[in-house]
Amino acid sequence: MTAEALETLFRETLAAAPLIAILRGIRPDEVEAIGAALVESGIRLIEVPLNSPDPFNSVARLVKRFGDVALIGAGTVIQPDDVLELADIGASMVISPHTDRAVIEATRRAGLVSLPGIATPSEAFGAIAAGAHALKLFPMEMIGVAGMKAMKAVLPPDMPLIAVGGVGPATIAGFRDAGCAGFGLGSSLYKPGTTPAAIRAAAEACLAALDGG
């Protein structure tokens, strides 16, 4: 798939179900069962943070099992060399907690989708200049709706903003109404030890919140 086609697929997938599952702490031996619960619930964007146990193995397993129906990526990517390994195992998204031009540029060269973390207008415009496809507002608890609205007023209108940090069924609707295009679900969706059944219930609650349920 070309980089342009992947970017289009990412935007279409985000629009259809704007939730990114953040599986921090997940192990390779459980990742396929958790991935199945997410996909069955309708979540098609899945992230394994690189500070999880054996994360590249987990990403590879998800790509092999669900790569035809979901976009799989890694989070907490802070080194450009990690981008190359992710590209080699078929990942689609590179997500970071910060803005690092070297990581963003490596992601663009590899033909993957870049989602760097930003908390200020300076970081946002720096990430856009480096080639980011979307901006991860992190931590959203600190930025808040007022801060996000202020940034959105000066950012390119077609740049997707994804809220991460403090996102759950109780906050999704407010963030959406303020202009967020997507939502990263961390501990409100998965913590180590969460069962597939609990994942499914949490995912469905978040999807219902998007619909005003």
N, C-alpha and C. Protein backbone atom coordinates (compact mmCIF):
# COMPACT_ATOMS: atom_id res chain seq x y z
N MET A 1 0.84 -1.19 0.00
CA MET A 1 0.00 0.00 0.00
C MET A 1 0.88 1.25 0.00
N THR A 2 0.54 2.21 -0.84
CA THR A 2 1.31 3.44 -0.88
C THR A 2 1.06 4.28 0.38
N ALA A 3 1.96 5.21 0.65
CA ALA A 3 1.80 6.09 1.81
C ALA A 3 0.52 6.89 1.69
N GLU A 4 0.20 7.35 0.48
CA GLU A 4 -1.01 8.13 0.27
C GLU A 4 -2.25 7.30 0.54
N ALA A 5 -2.24 6.05 0.09
CA ALA A 5 -3.39 5.17 0.31
C ALA A 5 -3.55 4.86 1.79
N LEU A 6 -2.43 4.68 2.50
CA LEU A 6 -2.50 4.41 3.94
C LEU A 6 -3.05 5.61 4.70
N GLU A 7 -2.63 6.81 4.31
CA GLU A 7 -3.16 8.01 4.97
C GLU A 7 -4.67 8.11 4.75
N THR A 8 -5.12 7.84 3.53
CA THR A 8 -6.55 7.88 3.24
C THR A 8 -7.29 6.83 4.06
N LEU A 9 -6.73 5.62 4.15
CA LEU A 9 -7.36 4.55 4.93
C LEU A 9 -7.43 4.94 6.41
N PHE A 10 -6.36 5.56 6.92
CA PHE A 10 -6.36 5.99 8.32
C PHE A 10 -7.48 7.00 8.56
N ARG A 11 -7.60 7.99 7.70
CA ARG A 11 -8.63 9.01 7.88
C ARG A 11 -10.03 8.40 7.78
N GLU A 12 -10.21 7.47 6.86
CA GLU A 12 -11.52 6.82 6.71
C GLU A 12 -11.85 5.97 7.94
N THR A 13 -10.85 5.25 8.43
CA THR A 13 -11.06 4.40 9.61
C THR A 13 -11.35 5.25 10.84
N LEU A 14 -10.62 6.35 10.99
CA LEU A 14 -10.84 7.25 12.11
C LEU A 14 -12.24 7.86 12.06
N ALA A 15 -12.68 8.22 10.88
CA ALA A 15 -14.01 8.81 10.74
C ALA A 15 -15.11 7.80 11.06
N ALA A 16 -14.90 6.54 10.69
CA ALA A 16 -15.92 5.52 10.89
C ALA A 16 -16.05 5.12 12.36
N ALA A 17 -14.93 5.02 13.06
CA ALA A 17 -14.93 4.64 14.48
C ALA A 17 -13.72 5.32 15.12
N PRO A 18 -13.89 6.55 15.62
CA PRO A 18 -12.75 7.38 16.01
C PRO A 18 -12.13 7.04 17.36
N LEU A 19 -11.89 5.78 17.61
CA LEU A 19 -11.31 5.33 18.87
C LEU A 19 -10.02 4.57 18.61
N ILE A 20 -8.97 4.92 19.34
CA ILE A 20 -7.70 4.19 19.27
C ILE A 20 -7.52 3.45 20.58
N ALA A 21 -7.43 2.13 20.52
CA ALA A 21 -7.21 1.32 21.71
C ALA A 21 -5.72 1.34 22.07
N ILE A 22 -5.41 1.78 23.29
CA ILE A 22 -4.02 1.85 23.75
C ILE A 22 -3.81 0.71 24.75
N LEU A 23 -3.05 -0.30 24.33
CA LEU A 23 -2.90 -1.52 25.12
C LEU A 23 -1.58 -1.52 25.89
N ARG A 24 -1.43 -0.54 26.77
CA ARG A 24 -0.18 -0.42 27.52
C ARG A 24 -0.06 -1.57 28.54
N GLY A 25 1.08 -2.25 28.46
CA GLY A 25 1.34 -3.35 29.39
C GLY A 25 0.90 -4.71 28.90
N ILE A 26 0.33 -4.78 27.70
CA ILE A 26 -0.16 -6.06 27.19
C ILE A 26 1.00 -6.99 26.85
N ARG A 27 0.76 -8.30 26.99
CA ARG A 27 1.77 -9.32 26.69
C ARG A 27 1.42 -9.99 25.36
N PRO A 28 2.44 -10.50 24.66
CA PRO A 28 2.17 -11.17 23.39
C PRO A 28 1.22 -12.36 23.51
N ASP A 29 1.25 -13.06 24.64
CA ASP A 29 0.42 -14.25 24.76
C ASP A 29 -1.07 -13.93 24.94
N GLU A 30 -1.42 -12.69 25.21
CA GLU A 30 -2.82 -12.31 25.38
C GLU A 30 -3.31 -11.36 24.30
N VAL A 31 -2.39 -10.88 23.45
CA VAL A 31 -2.75 -9.76 22.58
C VAL A 31 -3.77 -10.15 21.51
N GLU A 32 -3.74 -11.39 21.03
CA GLU A 32 -4.69 -11.76 19.98
C GLU A 32 -6.11 -11.86 20.51
N ALA A 33 -6.28 -12.37 21.72
CA ALA A 33 -7.62 -12.45 22.30
C ALA A 33 -8.18 -11.06 22.57
N ILE A 34 -7.32 -10.17 23.06
CA ILE A 34 -7.75 -8.79 23.29
C ILE A 34 -8.05 -8.10 21.96
N GLY A 35 -7.20 -8.33 20.97
CA GLY A 35 -7.43 -7.75 19.65
C GLY A 35 -8.75 -8.21 19.05
N ALA A 36 -9.07 -9.49 19.22
CA ALA A 36 -10.33 -10.01 18.69
C ALA A 36 -11.52 -9.33 19.34
N ALA A 37 -11.44 -9.11 20.66
CA ALA A 37 -12.54 -8.43 21.35
C ALA A 37 -12.72 -7.00 20.85
N LEU A 38 -11.61 -6.33 20.59
CA LEU A 38 -11.68 -4.96 20.07
C LEU A 38 -12.31 -4.92 18.68
N VAL A 39 -11.81 -5.77 17.79
CA VAL A 39 -12.31 -5.78 16.42
C VAL A 39 -13.78 -6.16 16.39
N GLU A 40 -14.16 -7.15 17.19
CA GLU A 40 -15.56 -7.56 17.23
C GLU A 40 -16.46 -6.43 17.75
N SER A 41 -15.89 -5.56 18.58
CA SER A 41 -16.67 -4.45 19.13
C SER A 41 -16.76 -3.27 18.17
N GLY A 42 -15.92 -3.26 17.14
CA GLY A 42 -15.96 -2.19 16.15
C GLY A 42 -14.79 -1.24 16.18
N ILE A 43 -13.79 -1.49 17.05
CA ILE A 43 -12.60 -0.64 17.10
C ILE A 43 -11.59 -1.17 16.09
N ARG A 44 -11.10 -0.29 15.22
CA ARG A 44 -10.23 -0.70 14.12
C ARG A 44 -8.86 -0.01 14.14
N LEU A 45 -8.56 0.71 15.23
CA LEU A 45 -7.26 1.35 15.40
C LEU A 45 -6.69 0.87 16.73
N ILE A 46 -5.55 0.17 16.68
CA ILE A 46 -5.00 -0.49 17.87
C ILE A 46 -3.53 -0.13 18.02
N GLU A 47 -3.16 0.28 19.23
CA GLU A 47 -1.79 0.71 19.53
C GLU A 47 -1.20 -0.12 20.66
N VAL A 48 0.03 -0.60 20.47
CA VAL A 48 0.78 -1.25 21.55
C VAL A 48 1.94 -0.33 21.93
N PRO A 49 1.91 0.29 23.10
CA PRO A 49 3.03 1.13 23.51
C PRO A 49 4.32 0.32 23.63
N LEU A 50 5.43 0.94 23.25
CA LEU A 50 6.70 0.22 23.25
C LEU A 50 7.28 0.00 24.63
N ASN A 51 6.66 0.56 25.67
CA ASN A 51 7.10 0.23 27.02
C ASN A 51 6.29 -0.91 27.62
N SER A 52 5.65 -1.69 26.74
CA SER A 52 4.97 -2.93 27.14
C SER A 52 5.94 -4.09 27.01
N PRO A 53 5.64 -5.23 27.62
CA PRO A 53 6.53 -6.40 27.48
C PRO A 53 6.59 -6.89 26.04
N ASP A 54 7.79 -7.04 25.50
CA ASP A 54 8.01 -7.60 24.16
C ASP A 54 7.05 -6.97 23.13
N PRO A 55 7.06 -5.65 23.01
CA PRO A 55 6.02 -4.97 22.22
C PRO A 55 6.05 -5.28 20.73
N PHE A 56 7.24 -5.44 20.16
CA PHE A 56 7.29 -5.70 18.72
C PHE A 56 6.66 -7.05 18.38
N ASN A 57 6.79 -8.00 19.27
CA ASN A 57 6.14 -9.30 19.09
C ASN A 57 4.63 -9.13 19.10
N SER A 58 4.13 -8.32 20.04
CA SER A 58 2.68 -8.08 20.11
C SER A 58 2.18 -7.39 18.85
N VAL A 59 2.91 -6.37 18.39
CA VAL A 59 2.51 -5.67 17.17
C VAL A 59 2.48 -6.64 16.00
N ALA A 60 3.52 -7.46 15.87
CA ALA A 60 3.58 -8.41 14.76
C ALA A 60 2.42 -9.40 14.80
N ARG A 61 2.07 -9.85 15.98
CA ARG A 61 0.94 -10.79 16.10
C ARG A 61 -0.37 -10.13 15.70
N LEU A 62 -0.56 -8.89 16.12
CA LEU A 62 -1.78 -8.18 15.74
C LEU A 62 -1.84 -7.94 14.24
N VAL A 63 -0.72 -7.56 13.65
CA VAL A 63 -0.69 -7.33 12.20
C VAL A 63 -1.04 -8.61 11.46
N LYS A 64 -0.45 -9.73 11.88
CA LYS A 64 -0.70 -11.00 11.19
C LYS A 64 -2.15 -11.43 11.31
N ARG A 65 -2.74 -11.25 12.49
CA ARG A 65 -4.10 -11.72 12.74
C ARG A 65 -5.16 -10.74 12.23
N PHE A 66 -4.93 -9.43 12.39
CA PHE A 66 -5.99 -8.46 12.13
C PHE A 66 -5.62 -7.38 11.12
N GLY A 67 -4.45 -7.50 10.49
CA GLY A 67 -3.98 -6.45 9.60
C GLY A 67 -4.87 -6.19 8.40
N ASP A 68 -5.74 -7.14 8.08
CA ASP A 68 -6.64 -6.94 6.94
C ASP A 68 -7.93 -6.22 7.33
N VAL A 69 -8.17 -6.05 8.64
CA VAL A 69 -9.41 -5.41 9.08
C VAL A 69 -9.18 -4.25 10.04
N ALA A 70 -7.92 -4.05 10.46
CA ALA A 70 -7.62 -2.99 11.42
C ALA A 70 -6.24 -2.41 11.11
N LEU A 71 -6.02 -1.17 11.58
CA LEU A 71 -4.71 -0.56 11.47
C LEU A 71 -4.01 -0.72 12.82
N ILE A 72 -2.82 -1.31 12.76
CA ILE A 72 -2.07 -1.64 13.97
C ILE A 72 -0.84 -0.73 14.04
N GLY A 73 -0.58 -0.21 15.23
CA GLY A 73 0.58 0.65 15.38
C GLY A 73 1.22 0.51 16.74
N ALA A 74 2.21 1.33 16.99
CA ALA A 74 2.91 1.34 18.26
C ALA A 74 2.86 2.74 18.85
N GLY A 75 2.83 2.80 20.18
CA GLY A 75 2.89 4.06 20.87
C GLY A 75 4.17 4.17 21.67
N THR A 76 4.36 5.34 22.28
CA THR A 76 5.59 5.62 23.05
C THR A 76 6.82 5.36 22.18
N VAL A 77 6.72 5.76 20.92
CA VAL A 77 7.85 5.62 20.00
C VAL A 77 8.70 6.88 20.12
N ILE A 78 9.92 6.73 20.63
CA ILE A 78 10.78 7.89 20.87
C ILE A 78 12.10 7.81 20.13
N GLN A 79 12.36 6.71 19.43
CA GLN A 79 13.61 6.55 18.69
C GLN A 79 13.33 6.29 17.21
N PRO A 80 14.00 7.00 16.30
CA PRO A 80 13.79 6.74 14.87
C PRO A 80 14.06 5.30 14.46
N ASP A 81 15.01 4.65 15.10
CA ASP A 81 15.31 3.26 14.74
C ASP A 81 14.12 2.34 14.99
N ASP A 82 13.30 2.67 15.99
CA ASP A 82 12.12 1.85 16.26
C ASP A 82 11.12 1.92 15.10
N VAL A 83 11.09 3.05 14.41
CA VAL A 83 10.20 3.20 13.27
C VAL A 83 10.54 2.18 12.19
N LEU A 84 11.83 1.97 11.95
CA LEU A 84 12.26 1.01 10.93
C LEU A 84 11.81 -0.40 11.28
N GLU A 85 11.94 -0.76 12.55
CA GLU A 85 11.51 -2.10 12.97
C GLU A 85 10.00 -2.25 12.83
N LEU A 86 9.27 -1.21 13.16
CA LEU A 86 7.81 -1.26 13.01
C LEU A 86 7.41 -1.41 11.55
N ALA A 87 8.09 -0.71 10.67
CA ALA A 87 7.80 -0.84 9.24
C ALA A 87 8.08 -2.26 8.77
N ASP A 88 9.14 -2.86 9.28
CA ASP A 88 9.52 -4.21 8.86
C ASP A 88 8.48 -5.25 9.26
N ILE A 89 7.77 -5.03 10.36
CA ILE A 89 6.79 -6.03 10.81
C ILE A 89 5.37 -5.68 10.37
N GLY A 90 5.23 -4.63 9.56
CA GLY A 90 3.93 -4.35 8.96
C GLY A 90 3.04 -3.40 9.72
N ALA A 91 3.58 -2.67 10.68
CA ALA A 91 2.77 -1.70 11.41
C ALA A 91 2.34 -0.56 10.49
N SER A 92 1.26 0.13 10.87
CA SER A 92 0.73 1.22 10.06
C SER A 92 0.89 2.58 10.71
N MET A 93 0.90 2.63 12.06
CA MET A 93 0.89 3.90 12.78
C MET A 93 2.07 3.99 13.73
N VAL A 94 2.63 5.20 13.83
CA VAL A 94 3.69 5.50 14.79
C VAL A 94 3.19 6.64 15.67
N ILE A 95 3.03 6.36 16.95
CA ILE A 95 2.41 7.30 17.89
C ILE A 95 3.42 7.61 18.99
N SER A 96 3.57 8.87 19.31
CA SER A 96 4.55 9.29 20.30
C SER A 96 3.91 10.18 21.36
N PRO A 97 4.52 10.25 22.55
CA PRO A 97 3.99 11.15 23.58
C PRO A 97 4.45 12.58 23.41
N HIS A 98 5.32 12.81 22.43
CA HIS A 98 5.97 14.11 22.27
C HIS A 98 6.15 14.40 20.79
N THR A 99 6.71 15.57 20.50
CA THR A 99 7.02 15.94 19.12
C THR A 99 8.53 15.85 18.92
N ASP A 100 8.93 14.95 18.05
CA ASP A 100 10.35 14.75 17.72
C ASP A 100 10.46 14.72 16.20
N ARG A 101 11.08 15.73 15.64
CA ARG A 101 11.17 15.82 14.18
C ARG A 101 11.80 14.58 13.57
N ALA A 102 12.82 14.03 14.21
CA ALA A 102 13.51 12.87 13.66
C ALA A 102 12.56 11.67 13.57
N VAL A 103 11.73 11.47 14.60
CA VAL A 103 10.78 10.36 14.58
C VAL A 103 9.72 10.58 13.51
N ILE A 104 9.21 11.81 13.41
CA ILE A 104 8.18 12.11 12.41
C ILE A 104 8.74 11.90 11.00
N GLU A 105 9.94 12.41 10.76
CA GLU A 105 10.53 12.28 9.42
C GLU A 105 10.83 10.82 9.10
N ALA A 106 11.28 10.05 10.08
CA ALA A 106 11.52 8.62 9.85
C ALA A 106 10.22 7.91 9.51
N THR A 107 9.15 8.31 10.17
CA THR A 107 7.84 7.72 9.91
C THR A 107 7.38 8.03 8.49
N ARG A 108 7.55 9.26 8.06
CA ARG A 108 7.17 9.63 6.69
C ARG A 108 8.00 8.86 5.67
N ARG A 109 9.30 8.75 5.92
CA ARG A 109 10.16 8.00 4.97
C ARG A 109 9.74 6.54 4.88
N ALA A 110 9.28 5.98 5.99
CA ALA A 110 8.86 4.58 6.00
C ALA A 110 7.47 4.38 5.41
N GLY A 111 6.77 5.47 5.12
CA GLY A 111 5.44 5.37 4.54
C GLY A 111 4.35 5.04 5.54
N LEU A 112 4.60 5.33 6.83
CA LEU A 112 3.62 5.04 7.88
C LEU A 112 2.90 6.33 8.30
N VAL A 113 1.87 6.18 9.13
CA VAL A 113 1.09 7.31 9.61
C VAL A 113 1.73 7.84 10.89
N SER A 114 1.97 9.15 10.93
CA SER A 114 2.63 9.80 12.06
C SER A 114 1.63 10.52 12.95
N LEU A 115 1.63 10.16 14.24
CA LEU A 115 0.76 10.80 15.23
C LEU A 115 1.59 11.21 16.44
N PRO A 116 2.28 12.34 16.37
CA PRO A 116 3.08 12.80 17.50
C PRO A 116 2.22 13.47 18.56
N GLY A 117 2.74 13.48 19.79
CA GLY A 117 2.04 14.14 20.87
C GLY A 117 2.40 15.62 20.93
N ILE A 118 1.38 16.44 21.19
CA ILE A 118 1.61 17.88 21.31
C ILE A 118 0.78 18.42 22.49
N ALA A 119 1.29 19.50 23.10
CA ALA A 119 0.55 20.13 24.19
C ALA A 119 0.49 21.64 24.05
N THR A 120 1.18 22.18 23.04
CA THR A 120 1.21 23.64 22.84
C THR A 120 1.10 23.95 21.35
N PRO A 121 0.73 25.18 20.99
CA PRO A 121 0.71 25.56 19.58
C PRO A 121 2.08 25.42 18.93
N SER A 122 3.16 25.74 19.64
CA SER A 122 4.50 25.63 19.06
C SER A 122 4.80 24.19 18.68
N GLU A 123 4.47 23.27 19.58
CA GLU A 123 4.69 21.85 19.26
C GLU A 123 3.80 21.42 18.10
N ALA A 124 2.58 21.90 18.08
CA ALA A 124 1.65 21.51 17.02
C ALA A 124 2.17 21.94 15.65
N PHE A 125 2.58 23.19 15.53
CA PHE A 125 3.07 23.66 14.23
C PHE A 125 4.41 23.03 13.87
N GLY A 126 5.23 22.72 14.86
CA GLY A 126 6.47 22.01 14.58
C GLY A 126 6.21 20.62 14.05
N ALA A 127 5.22 19.93 14.64
CA ALA A 127 4.87 18.58 14.19
C ALA A 127 4.30 18.61 12.77
N ILE A 128 3.45 19.60 12.49
CA ILE A 128 2.87 19.71 11.15
C ILE A 128 3.96 19.98 10.12
N ALA A 129 4.89 20.86 10.45
CA ALA A 129 5.99 21.17 9.52
C ALA A 129 6.85 19.95 9.24
N ALA A 130 6.98 19.07 10.23
CA ALA A 130 7.80 17.86 10.05
C ALA A 130 7.07 16.78 9.28
N GLY A 131 5.72 16.91 9.14
CA GLY A 131 4.99 15.95 8.33
C GLY A 131 3.96 15.11 9.06
N ALA A 132 3.55 15.50 10.26
CA ALA A 132 2.55 14.73 11.01
C ALA A 132 1.24 14.61 10.24
N HIS A 133 0.62 13.44 10.34
CA HIS A 133 -0.68 13.22 9.69
C HIS A 133 -1.84 13.61 10.60
N ALA A 134 -1.63 13.52 11.91
CA ALA A 134 -2.63 13.92 12.90
C ALA A 134 -1.87 14.29 14.17
N LEU A 135 -2.54 15.00 15.06
CA LEU A 135 -1.89 15.45 16.29
C LEU A 135 -2.57 14.81 17.49
N LYS A 136 -1.75 14.24 18.34
CA LYS A 136 -2.23 13.63 19.58
C LYS A 136 -2.16 14.68 20.69
N LEU A 137 -3.31 15.11 21.19
CA LEU A 137 -3.35 16.09 22.27
C LEU A 137 -3.10 15.36 23.59
N PHE A 138 -1.91 15.56 24.15
CA PHE A 138 -1.51 14.79 25.31
C PHE A 138 -0.66 15.63 26.26
N PRO A 139 -1.01 15.56 27.56
CA PRO A 139 -2.19 14.91 28.15
C PRO A 139 -3.42 15.81 28.08
N MET A 140 -4.52 15.24 27.63
CA MET A 140 -5.73 16.03 27.44
C MET A 140 -6.26 16.58 28.76
N GLU A 141 -6.02 15.86 29.86
CA GLU A 141 -6.46 16.38 31.16
C GLU A 141 -5.82 17.74 31.44
N MET A 142 -4.58 17.91 31.01
CA MET A 142 -3.88 19.17 31.25
C MET A 142 -4.30 20.25 30.23
N ILE A 143 -4.42 19.85 28.96
CA ILE A 143 -4.78 20.82 27.91
C ILE A 143 -6.19 21.32 28.10
N GLY A 144 -7.12 20.40 28.34
CA GLY A 144 -8.51 20.76 28.56
C GLY A 144 -9.22 21.19 27.29
N VAL A 145 -10.53 21.27 27.38
CA VAL A 145 -11.34 21.67 26.23
C VAL A 145 -11.01 23.10 25.81
N ALA A 146 -10.83 23.99 26.77
CA ALA A 146 -10.54 25.39 26.42
C ALA A 146 -9.22 25.51 25.68
N GLY A 147 -8.19 24.79 26.14
CA GLY A 147 -6.90 24.83 25.47
C GLY A 147 -6.97 24.23 24.08
N MET A 148 -7.71 23.14 23.94
CA MET A 148 -7.85 22.51 22.63
C MET A 148 -8.57 23.44 21.66
N LYS A 149 -9.63 24.10 22.11
CA LYS A 149 -10.37 25.02 21.24
C LYS A 149 -9.48 26.18 20.78
N ALA A 150 -8.65 26.67 21.69
CA ALA A 150 -7.76 27.77 21.33
C ALA A 150 -6.76 27.35 20.26
N MET A 151 -6.22 26.14 20.39
CA MET A 151 -5.28 25.66 19.38
C MET A 151 -5.99 25.37 18.06
N LYS A 152 -7.15 24.77 18.14
CA LYS A 152 -7.89 24.42 16.92
C LYS A 152 -8.20 25.65 16.09
N ALA A 153 -8.38 26.79 16.74
CA ALA A 153 -8.72 28.02 16.03
C ALA A 153 -7.62 28.49 15.10
N VAL A 154 -6.37 28.09 15.37
CA VAL A 154 -5.25 28.55 14.55
C VAL A 154 -4.60 27.43 13.73
N LEU A 155 -4.97 26.19 14.00
CA LEU A 155 -4.38 25.07 13.26
C LEU A 155 -5.11 24.86 11.93
N PRO A 156 -4.46 24.18 10.97
CA PRO A 156 -5.16 23.87 9.71
C PRO A 156 -6.46 23.12 9.99
N PRO A 157 -7.55 23.50 9.38
CA PRO A 157 -8.85 22.91 9.72
C PRO A 157 -8.96 21.43 9.39
N ASP A 158 -8.12 20.94 8.47
CA ASP A 158 -8.20 19.52 8.10
C ASP A 158 -7.22 18.66 8.88
N MET A 159 -6.55 19.21 9.90
CA MET A 159 -5.61 18.44 10.71
C MET A 159 -6.37 17.75 11.84
N PRO A 160 -6.45 16.41 11.84
CA PRO A 160 -7.20 15.71 12.90
C PRO A 160 -6.52 15.88 14.26
N LEU A 161 -7.32 16.15 15.28
CA LEU A 161 -6.85 16.24 16.66
C LEU A 161 -7.40 15.06 17.44
N ILE A 162 -6.50 14.35 18.11
CA ILE A 162 -6.87 13.13 18.83
C ILE A 162 -6.58 13.33 20.31
N ALA A 163 -7.62 13.26 21.13
CA ALA A 163 -7.49 13.46 22.57
C ALA A 163 -7.00 12.18 23.23
N VAL A 164 -5.97 12.30 24.06
CA VAL A 164 -5.43 11.15 24.80
C VAL A 164 -5.11 11.61 26.22
N GLY A 165 -5.56 10.81 27.19
CA GLY A 165 -5.33 11.15 28.59
C GLY A 165 -6.61 11.63 29.23
N GLY A 166 -7.21 10.79 30.06
CA GLY A 166 -8.48 11.17 30.67
C GLY A 166 -9.68 10.98 29.77
N VAL A 167 -9.53 10.12 28.76
CA VAL A 167 -10.63 9.88 27.81
C VAL A 167 -11.39 8.62 28.21
N GLY A 168 -12.70 8.73 28.29
CA GLY A 168 -13.55 7.59 28.62
C GLY A 168 -14.98 7.93 28.28
N PRO A 169 -15.92 7.04 28.61
CA PRO A 169 -17.32 7.28 28.26
C PRO A 169 -17.87 8.61 28.77
N ALA A 170 -17.37 9.08 29.92
CA ALA A 170 -17.90 10.31 30.50
C ALA A 170 -17.37 11.57 29.84
N THR A 171 -16.27 11.47 29.10
CA THR A 171 -15.65 12.67 28.53
C THR A 171 -15.67 12.72 27.01
N ILE A 172 -15.91 11.60 26.36
CA ILE A 172 -15.81 11.54 24.91
C ILE A 172 -16.74 12.55 24.23
N ALA A 173 -17.98 12.62 24.65
CA ALA A 173 -18.94 13.49 23.97
C ALA A 173 -18.50 14.95 24.05
N GLY A 174 -18.02 15.38 25.21
CA GLY A 174 -17.58 16.76 25.34
C GLY A 174 -16.38 17.07 24.49
N PHE A 175 -15.42 16.15 24.43
CA PHE A 175 -14.25 16.35 23.58
C PHE A 175 -14.64 16.36 22.11
N ARG A 176 -15.56 15.49 21.73
CA ARG A 176 -16.02 15.45 20.34
C ARG A 176 -16.71 16.76 19.97
N ASP A 177 -17.58 17.22 20.84
CA ASP A 177 -18.32 18.45 20.54
C ASP A 177 -17.38 19.66 20.46
N ALA A 178 -16.23 19.58 21.15
CA ALA A 178 -15.26 20.67 21.10
C ALA A 178 -14.41 20.63 19.83
N GLY A 179 -14.46 19.53 19.09
CA GLY A 179 -13.75 19.46 17.82
C GLY A 179 -12.72 18.37 17.67
N CYS A 180 -12.62 17.48 18.65
CA CYS A 180 -11.67 16.36 18.49
C CYS A 180 -12.19 15.38 17.45
N ALA A 181 -11.27 14.89 16.62
CA ALA A 181 -11.64 13.93 15.58
C ALA A 181 -11.45 12.49 16.02
N GLY A 182 -10.71 12.28 17.12
CA GLY A 182 -10.45 10.93 17.58
C GLY A 182 -10.11 10.92 19.06
N PHE A 183 -10.07 9.70 19.62
CA PHE A 183 -9.92 9.55 21.06
C PHE A 183 -9.08 8.32 21.36
N GLY A 184 -8.00 8.52 22.10
CA GLY A 184 -7.17 7.40 22.52
C GLY A 184 -7.64 6.89 23.86
N LEU A 185 -7.95 5.60 23.91
CA LEU A 185 -8.49 4.99 25.12
C LEU A 185 -7.40 4.17 25.80
N GLY A 186 -6.97 4.61 26.97
CA GLY A 186 -5.93 3.90 27.70
C GLY A 186 -6.52 3.07 28.82
N SER A 187 -6.33 3.50 30.06
CA SER A 187 -6.76 2.70 31.21
C SER A 187 -8.28 2.58 31.31
N SER A 188 -9.02 3.45 30.65
CA SER A 188 -10.48 3.30 30.65
C SER A 188 -10.91 2.09 29.82
N LEU A 189 -10.01 1.58 29.00
CA LEU A 189 -10.32 0.43 28.15
C LEU A 189 -9.53 -0.81 28.55
N TYR A 190 -8.22 -0.64 28.77
CA TYR A 190 -7.37 -1.80 29.06
C TYR A 190 -6.33 -1.48 30.12
N LYS A 191 -6.19 -2.38 31.06
CA LYS A 191 -5.08 -2.42 32.00
C LYS A 191 -4.61 -3.86 32.06
N PRO A 192 -3.34 -4.11 32.38
CA PRO A 192 -2.88 -5.50 32.46
C PRO A 192 -3.81 -6.35 33.34
N GLY A 193 -4.23 -7.46 32.76
CA GLY A 193 -5.15 -8.35 33.46
C GLY A 193 -6.59 -8.21 33.02
N THR A 194 -6.90 -7.19 32.23
CA THR A 194 -8.27 -7.02 31.74
C THR A 194 -8.64 -8.18 30.83
N THR A 195 -9.81 -8.75 31.02
CA THR A 195 -10.24 -9.89 30.21
C THR A 195 -10.84 -9.42 28.89
N PRO A 196 -10.88 -10.29 27.89
CA PRO A 196 -11.53 -9.92 26.63
C PRO A 196 -12.99 -9.50 26.81
N ALA A 197 -13.70 -10.15 27.73
CA ALA A 197 -15.10 -9.78 27.97
C ALA A 197 -15.20 -8.36 28.52
N ALA A 198 -14.29 -8.01 29.44
CA ALA A 198 -14.30 -6.66 30.01
C ALA A 198 -13.91 -5.63 28.96
N ILE A 199 -12.95 -5.99 28.09
CA ILE A 199 -12.55 -5.11 26.99
C ILE A 199 -13.75 -4.83 26.09
N ARG A 200 -14.48 -5.88 25.77
CA ARG A 200 -15.62 -5.74 24.87
C ARG A 200 -16.66 -4.80 25.49
N ALA A 201 -16.94 -4.97 26.77
CA ALA A 201 -17.93 -4.12 27.43
C ALA A 201 -17.47 -2.66 27.47
N ALA A 202 -16.18 -2.44 27.76
CA ALA A 202 -15.65 -1.08 27.82
C ALA A 202 -15.67 -0.43 26.44
N ALA A 203 -15.31 -1.20 25.42
CA ALA A 203 -15.31 -0.67 24.05
C ALA A 203 -16.73 -0.28 23.63
N GLU A 204 -17.68 -1.13 23.95
CA GLU A 204 -19.05 -0.83 23.56
C GLU A 204 -19.59 0.39 24.30
N ALA A 205 -19.16 0.59 25.56
CA ALA A 205 -19.58 1.78 26.30
C ALA A 205 -19.02 3.05 25.67
N CYS A 206 -17.78 2.97 25.21
CA CYS A 206 -17.17 4.15 24.58
C CYS A 206 -17.82 4.44 23.22
N LEU A 207 -18.11 3.40 22.47
CA LEU A 207 -18.78 3.60 21.19
C LEU A 207 -20.19 4.16 21.39
N ALA A 208 -20.85 3.71 22.43
CA ALA A 208 -22.19 4.23 22.73
C ALA A 208 -22.11 5.71 23.12
N ALA A 209 -21.05 6.08 23.82
CA ALA A 209 -20.89 7.48 24.22
C ALA A 209 -20.73 8.38 22.99
N LEU A 210 -20.10 7.85 21.94
CA LEU A 210 -19.98 8.61 20.70
C LEU A 210 -21.34 8.89 20.08
N ASP A 211 -22.25 7.95 20.26
CA ASP A 211 -23.58 8.09 19.69
C ASP A 211 -24.54 8.81 20.63
N GLY A 212 -23.99 9.30 21.76
CA GLY A 212 -24.83 10.00 22.71
C GLY A 212 -25.55 9.10 23.68
N GLY A 213 -25.10 7.81 23.72
CA GLY A 213 -25.76 6.86 24.63
C GLY A 213 -25.24 6.95 26.04
